Amino acid sequence: TGFQGINNSMRITTLGRGGSDASAIMIAKFLKADECIIYTDVDGVYTTDPRIHYKAKKIKKIEYDEMLEMASLGSRVMQPTSVQDAKLNDIDITVKSSFFNKPGTLITKKFNKKKISSQIITGISSTKNDAKITIAGVKDKPGIAASIFEPLSKNLINVDMVVQNISLDGKETDLTFTVKSEDIKKTEKLVKNNKKITYRKLTFDKNLSKVSIIGVGMITAPGITYRMFKALASKKINIMVISTSEIKISVLISSKHINTAVAALHKEFKLD
């Protein structure tokens, strides 16, 4: 079966989530296939989760990098590792439904979007189970961030968004970062037991969500950040943390606003 493999000791093992997709992509590479078709329980990749926003549209064609961002930011159609494998090996993936004979979504390398659409933003992803930790009044010195994150890394806690604010005198810093809600008690314990750091205050916020807009079009389009923040502000949604890359902007908000935020951004960037 697709999700099984053999480890270095020649024992049968599982490949983890998305293992069947990863197997299919590797077989496609080995056979020099023109395309790898993944049959799943949805009929393609959508501009956002249709369960959150009823005006979500199916995307006909999406670039590897955009799909990677969507997968890592909450879209559950494909696992990021499988998309990465396809990109590295230059294999086109078509995602189709196992239940309906409908056209799917093609995940491929860069293509000329201007011929297809003037869409700047390709999709909106969201998560529901995020938590925010702030360590206030940490002594600002080289290696302090590494000292904070080392025990988290060793305990397999994935740190996502990170924001650091240094005091005006440059002596102290406030460090804010996000983890999954299920890791918050473990994170609290590790921070409190960390002898390498001293701080004034430790605070936690739960029931938070991350909303992200993704699109290679934002590289050359000015004003995207402003439009995103304005759309959220118009719905009186407060932004707690911001994280950006070349092709995505993510914000942390209260989970109770997730549906409103996705709908507002979907409309703002003409995805409805």
Protein backbone atom coordinates (compact mmCIF):
# COMPACT_ATOMS: atom_id res chain seq x y z
CA THR A 1 0.00 0.00 0.00
CA GLY A 2 1.06 3.56 -0.61
CA PHE A 3 1.71 4.63 2.95
CA GLN A 4 4.11 1.77 3.80
CA GLY A 5 7.84 1.59 3.33
CA ILE A 6 10.96 -0.12 4.66
CA ASN A 7 13.39 1.54 7.09
CA ASN A 8 17.19 1.16 7.37
CA SER A 9 16.75 -2.01 9.44
CA MET A 10 14.62 -3.54 6.63
CA ARG A 11 11.53 -3.42 8.83
CA ILE A 12 8.15 -2.45 7.37
CA THR A 13 7.18 1.00 8.59
CA THR A 14 4.66 3.75 7.77
CA LEU A 15 5.52 6.97 5.96
CA GLY A 16 3.22 9.18 8.03
CA ARG A 17 0.47 11.51 6.86
CA GLY A 18 0.36 11.90 3.08
CA GLY A 19 2.43 8.74 2.65
CA SER A 20 0.28 7.42 -0.19
CA ASP A 21 0.68 10.70 -2.09
CA ALA A 22 4.44 10.66 -1.52
CA SER A 23 4.62 7.06 -2.81
CA ALA A 24 2.60 7.94 -5.93
CA ILE A 25 4.85 10.92 -6.71
CA MET A 26 8.03 8.85 -6.33
CA ILE A 27 6.61 6.09 -8.57
CA ALA A 28 5.64 8.73 -11.15
CA LYS A 29 9.24 9.97 -11.08
CA PHE A 30 10.65 6.44 -11.45
CA LEU A 31 8.32 5.64 -14.39
CA LYS A 32 8.96 9.09 -15.96
CA ALA A 33 5.19 9.61 -16.06
CA ASP A 34 3.77 12.78 -17.58
CA GLU A 35 1.47 13.34 -14.62
CA CYS A 36 0.49 11.97 -11.22
CA ILE A 37 -3.25 11.93 -10.43
CA ILE A 38 -4.19 11.89 -6.74
CA TYR A 39 -7.74 10.68 -6.11
CA THR A 40 -9.10 11.96 -2.80
CA ASP A 41 -12.34 12.86 -1.02
CA VAL A 42 -12.52 16.35 -2.56
CA ASP A 43 -12.69 17.31 -6.23
CA GLY A 44 -9.75 19.72 -6.14
CA VAL A 45 -8.09 22.58 -4.30
CA TYR A 46 -10.40 25.46 -3.36
CA THR A 47 -9.75 29.17 -2.80
CA THR A 48 -10.62 28.50 0.86
CA ASP A 49 -12.29 25.77 2.92
CA PRO A 50 -15.86 25.43 1.52
CA ARG A 51 -17.06 24.46 5.00
CA ILE A 52 -15.99 27.88 6.29
CA HIS A 53 -17.09 30.00 3.33
CA TYR A 54 -19.81 28.88 0.92
CA LYS A 55 -18.47 31.05 -1.94
CA ALA A 56 -15.18 29.12 -2.14
CA LYS A 57 -14.25 28.31 -5.75
CA LYS A 58 -12.24 25.44 -7.18
CA ILE A 59 -8.81 26.48 -8.48
CA LYS A 60 -8.07 25.09 -11.95
CA LYS A 61 -4.31 25.58 -11.82
CA ILE A 62 -1.96 26.39 -8.93
CA GLU A 63 1.82 26.72 -8.65
CA TYR A 64 3.89 24.41 -6.42
CA ASP A 65 4.95 27.29 -4.13
CA GLU A 66 1.38 28.49 -3.62
CA MET A 67 0.22 24.94 -2.90
CA LEU A 68 3.10 24.46 -0.46
CA GLU A 69 2.06 27.58 1.46
CA MET A 70 -1.62 26.58 1.46
CA ALA A 71 -0.79 23.05 2.63
CA SER A 72 1.48 24.24 5.44
CA LEU A 73 -0.99 26.95 6.52
CA GLY A 74 -4.05 24.77 6.98
CA SER A 75 -5.31 23.43 3.62
CA ARG A 76 -5.63 19.67 4.14
CA VAL A 77 -5.93 18.54 0.51
CA MET A 78 -2.20 17.74 0.19
CA GLN A 79 0.61 17.31 2.72
CA PRO A 80 3.48 19.82 2.30
CA THR A 81 6.10 17.04 1.97
CA SER A 82 4.29 15.53 -1.02
CA VAL A 83 4.05 18.90 -2.79
CA GLN A 84 7.75 19.51 -2.07
CA ASP A 85 8.64 16.11 -3.58
CA ALA A 86 6.63 16.94 -6.72
CA LYS A 87 8.30 20.34 -7.05
CA LEU A 88 11.84 18.96 -6.62
CA ASN A 89 11.19 16.25 -9.20
CA ASP A 90 9.17 18.45 -11.60
CA ILE A 91 6.08 16.21 -11.54
CA ASP A 92 2.64 17.66 -12.28
CA ILE A 93 -0.08 16.59 -9.84
CA THR A 94 -3.79 16.59 -10.58
CA VAL A 95 -6.07 16.36 -7.55
CA LYS A 96 -9.41 14.70 -8.36
CA SER A 97 -12.41 13.26 -6.52
CA SER A 98 -12.79 9.51 -6.01
CA PHE A 99 -16.57 9.95 -6.01
CA PHE A 100 -17.37 12.34 -8.88
CA ASN A 101 -16.11 12.49 -12.46
CA LYS A 102 -15.21 16.20 -12.45
CA PRO A 103 -12.13 18.15 -13.58
CA GLY A 104 -9.68 18.58 -10.70
CA THR A 105 -6.89 21.01 -9.82
CA LEU A 106 -3.51 20.92 -11.55
CA ILE A 107 -0.51 21.58 -9.29
CA THR A 108 2.41 22.54 -11.53
CA LYS A 109 5.49 24.71 -11.98
CA LYS A 110 5.36 28.43 -12.76
CA PHE A 111 3.03 29.45 -15.55
CA ASN A 112 1.95 32.74 -17.09
CA LYS A 113 -0.96 33.75 -14.91
CA LYS A 114 -1.77 36.82 -16.98
CA LYS A 115 -3.12 34.58 -19.73
CA ILE A 116 -5.45 32.92 -17.22
CA SER A 117 -6.52 35.66 -14.83
CA SER A 118 -5.48 38.87 -13.14
CA GLN A 119 -5.90 37.25 -9.73
CA ILE A 120 -3.32 38.51 -7.23
CA ILE A 121 -4.34 36.22 -4.37
CA THR A 122 -4.85 32.53 -5.18
CA GLY A 123 -6.28 31.28 -1.90
CA ILE A 124 -6.96 31.79 1.80
CA SER A 125 -5.97 29.24 4.43
CA SER A 126 -6.88 29.11 8.10
CA THR A 127 -6.20 27.13 11.25
CA LYS A 128 -8.28 26.88 14.41
CA ASN A 129 -6.11 25.51 17.20
CA ASP A 130 -3.37 28.07 17.80
CA ALA A 131 -2.07 29.48 21.08
CA LYS A 132 0.13 32.52 21.76
CA ILE A 133 2.88 32.72 24.38
CA THR A 134 4.58 35.99 25.40
CA ILE A 135 7.75 36.04 27.50
CA ALA A 136 8.13 39.63 28.70
CA GLY A 137 11.28 41.26 30.09
CA VAL A 138 13.88 38.81 28.81
CA LYS A 139 17.49 40.05 28.98
CA ASP A 140 18.48 40.96 25.42
CA LYS A 141 21.77 39.22 24.66
CA PRO A 142 23.12 36.97 21.87
CA GLY A 143 21.78 33.42 22.00
CA ILE A 144 18.74 34.15 24.19
CA ALA A 145 16.22 33.17 21.50
CA ALA A 146 18.11 29.92 20.89
CA SER A 147 18.03 29.21 24.65
CA ILE A 148 14.24 29.66 24.66
CA PHE A 149 13.52 27.53 21.60
CA GLU A 150 16.07 24.73 22.15
CA PRO A 151 14.01 22.76 24.74
CA LEU A 152 10.86 23.22 22.62
CA SER A 153 12.66 21.79 19.59
CA LYS A 154 13.99 18.82 21.59
CA ASN A 155 10.43 18.07 22.74
CA LEU A 156 9.10 18.23 19.14
CA ILE A 157 6.99 21.34 19.73
CA ASN A 158 6.54 23.21 16.47
CA VAL A 159 6.95 26.99 16.88
CA ASP A 160 5.20 28.98 14.18
CA MET A 161 4.90 32.78 14.23
CA VAL A 162 7.63 34.65 16.15
CA VAL A 163 7.69 38.37 17.03
CA GLN A 164 10.38 40.12 19.08
CA ASN A 165 10.10 43.64 20.56
CA ILE A 166 13.25 45.21 22.04
CA SER A 167 12.92 47.92 24.73
CA LEU A 168 14.07 51.47 23.97
CA ASP A 169 17.19 51.10 26.13
CA GLY A 170 18.06 47.85 24.33
CA LYS A 171 18.46 45.87 27.55
CA GLU A 172 15.27 43.82 27.52
CA THR A 173 13.10 42.12 24.92
CA ASP A 174 9.57 40.72 24.76
CA LEU A 175 9.31 37.51 22.75
CA THR A 176 5.95 36.31 21.39
CA PHE A 177 5.47 33.04 19.53
CA THR A 178 2.68 30.63 18.62
CA VAL A 179 2.29 26.87 19.08
CA LYS A 180 -0.60 24.46 18.64
CA SER A 181 -3.16 24.57 21.50
CA GLU A 182 -2.44 20.97 22.50
CA ASP A 183 1.21 21.90 23.18
CA ILE A 184 0.54 24.88 25.44
CA LYS A 185 0.83 23.11 28.84
CA LYS A 186 4.01 21.36 27.77
CA THR A 187 5.43 24.68 26.48
CA GLU A 188 4.56 26.46 29.74
CA LYS A 189 6.35 23.78 31.76
CA LEU A 190 9.45 23.89 29.55
CA VAL A 191 9.70 27.70 29.70
CA LYS A 192 9.24 27.77 33.51
CA ASN A 193 11.86 25.03 34.00
CA ASN A 194 14.38 26.69 31.64
CA LYS A 195 17.33 27.74 33.85
CA LYS A 196 19.07 29.56 30.97
CA ILE A 197 16.55 32.42 30.85
CA THR A 198 15.12 35.01 33.24
CA TYR A 199 12.00 37.07 32.54
CA ARG A 200 9.48 39.34 34.25
CA LYS A 201 6.19 37.85 33.05
CA LEU A 202 4.79 34.87 31.14
CA THR A 203 1.36 35.10 29.46
CA PHE A 204 -0.71 32.69 27.37
CA ASP A 205 -3.65 33.15 25.00
CA LYS A 206 -5.70 30.23 23.68
CA ASN A 207 -8.59 29.91 21.21
CA LEU A 208 -6.72 31.72 18.45
CA SER A 209 -6.66 31.18 14.69
CA LYS A 210 -4.23 31.98 11.92
CA VAL A 211 -5.63 33.35 8.66
CA SER A 212 -3.35 33.57 5.63
CA ILE A 213 -3.64 35.02 2.13
CA ILE A 214 -1.46 33.30 -0.48
CA GLY A 215 -0.52 34.26 -4.04
CA VAL A 216 2.59 34.75 -6.17
CA GLY A 217 0.87 37.85 -7.57
CA MET A 218 1.58 39.78 -4.38
CA ILE A 219 5.33 39.89 -5.22
CA THR A 220 4.68 42.59 -7.82
CA ALA A 221 1.41 44.08 -6.51
CA PRO A 222 1.71 46.94 -3.98
CA GLY A 223 -0.89 47.59 -1.28
CA ILE A 224 -1.81 43.97 -0.48
CA THR A 225 -0.92 44.30 3.23
CA TYR A 226 -3.02 47.47 3.51
CA ARG A 227 -6.01 45.84 1.79
CA MET A 228 -5.85 42.81 4.07
CA PHE A 229 -5.67 44.89 7.26
CA LYS A 230 -8.39 47.27 6.06
CA ALA A 231 -10.75 44.36 5.26
CA LEU A 232 -10.26 42.90 8.76
CA ALA A 233 -10.57 46.31 10.43
CA SER A 234 -13.89 46.91 8.64
CA LYS A 235 -15.21 43.84 10.50
CA LYS A 236 -13.65 45.06 13.80
CA ILE A 237 -11.25 42.10 13.90
CA ASN A 238 -8.13 42.71 16.00
CA ILE A 239 -4.77 41.42 14.72
CA MET A 240 -2.42 40.02 17.38
CA VAL A 241 0.59 38.77 15.41
CA ILE A 242 1.68 39.24 11.78
CA SER A 243 3.98 37.00 9.73
CA THR A 244 4.94 37.45 6.07
CA SER A 245 6.87 35.84 3.23
CA GLU A 246 7.18 36.76 -0.46
CA ILE A 247 3.91 35.05 -1.36
CA LYS A 248 1.89 35.01 1.88
CA ILE A 249 0.70 37.17 4.75
CA SER A 250 -0.54 35.48 7.94
CA VAL A 251 -2.30 37.10 10.89
CA LEU A 252 -3.30 35.73 14.28
CA ILE A 253 -6.85 36.54 15.41
CA SER A 254 -9.46 35.27 17.87
CA SER A 255 -11.00 31.97 16.72
CA LYS A 256 -14.52 33.39 17.08
CA HIS A 257 -13.82 35.70 14.10
CA ILE A 258 -12.42 33.05 11.74
CA ASN A 259 -15.47 32.70 9.46
CA THR A 260 -15.99 36.47 9.26
CA ALA A 261 -12.31 37.06 8.48
CA VAL A 262 -12.17 34.44 5.70
CA ALA A 263 -15.37 35.80 4.11
CA ALA A 264 -14.11 39.41 4.26
CA LEU A 265 -10.75 38.55 2.69
CA HIS A 266 -12.32 36.27 0.09
CA LYS A 267 -14.49 39.19 -1.02
CA GLU A 268 -11.73 41.83 -0.79
CA PHE A 269 -9.44 39.89 -3.15
CA LYS A 270 -12.26 39.06 -5.58
CA LEU A 271 -12.27 35.31 -4.97
CA ASP A 272 -16.07 35.06 -4.45
